Amino acid sequence: MRRAMILLVGMAALAAAPTVDADEKSFTAGDGTAFSLPIIDGLPGRAESEDAVFEAAGFETQTTGEPHLTDRFSFVFKGGRQPQRVRVEDVTLATPILIAEAAVPEDLPGAGFRRERFEMSGVPCAIARGEPCSEWMFGEQLYRIYRATLVYEDGESQILLQAEPFRMSAFIARLGDRVPTRSTPTPDRTAQEPL
């Protein structure tokens, strides 16, 4: 079984994105929502609020048998305040795709002074033309855009938008004929109770 962790690829694509200023870059989600992130060592920095940091976004691919990917995320909650639930969507294209949604346990591992780390993953997503959860892989966009919604006990919610430079054309070309085309997408297995 061959697995490859793909975290930050397509660094050449960074030069083509619009610049806000020397230290920030602007991004646009598929629904037209614009946001900016700091640029650190040539890559988008982490989306952050007063209470949370979108620490990491990546995925593993499985290329033996039917190819698929599994998204993985981590968040750091600051100041001792943590949400009850976290929902992550792919908003790269016009239609948001739910990747993962989970309740946050009360007891989380520490990540420094008054900080806790929460990790979550999505269900496997088939890599196929016509499959909504992997449709972003077949486009020419330079970044994959994630929207994390954090819901707190008092009903407040925070949104963190994160851009990652995933350009997948070479990966798809390498898979070649092993990438199926689906006329009927797989039923949405990521749907859970709404936030």
Foldseek 3Di string as FASTA:
>chain_A
DDKDWDFFDLLVLLVVFACPDPFKGWDAFQQGDIDIAGADPSWGDWFDDPFKTFHGWTWMWDQPDFIWIKIKTKMKTADLFAFQKKWKWWRRHNDIATFAIDGDDNDAPADDDRMGMDMDMGDIFGQAAVAVVNPVQPDDDQWTKMWMWGAHPVRDIDITIDIGGDHRPVVDVVSPPSHYYDPDYDPRPRDDDDD
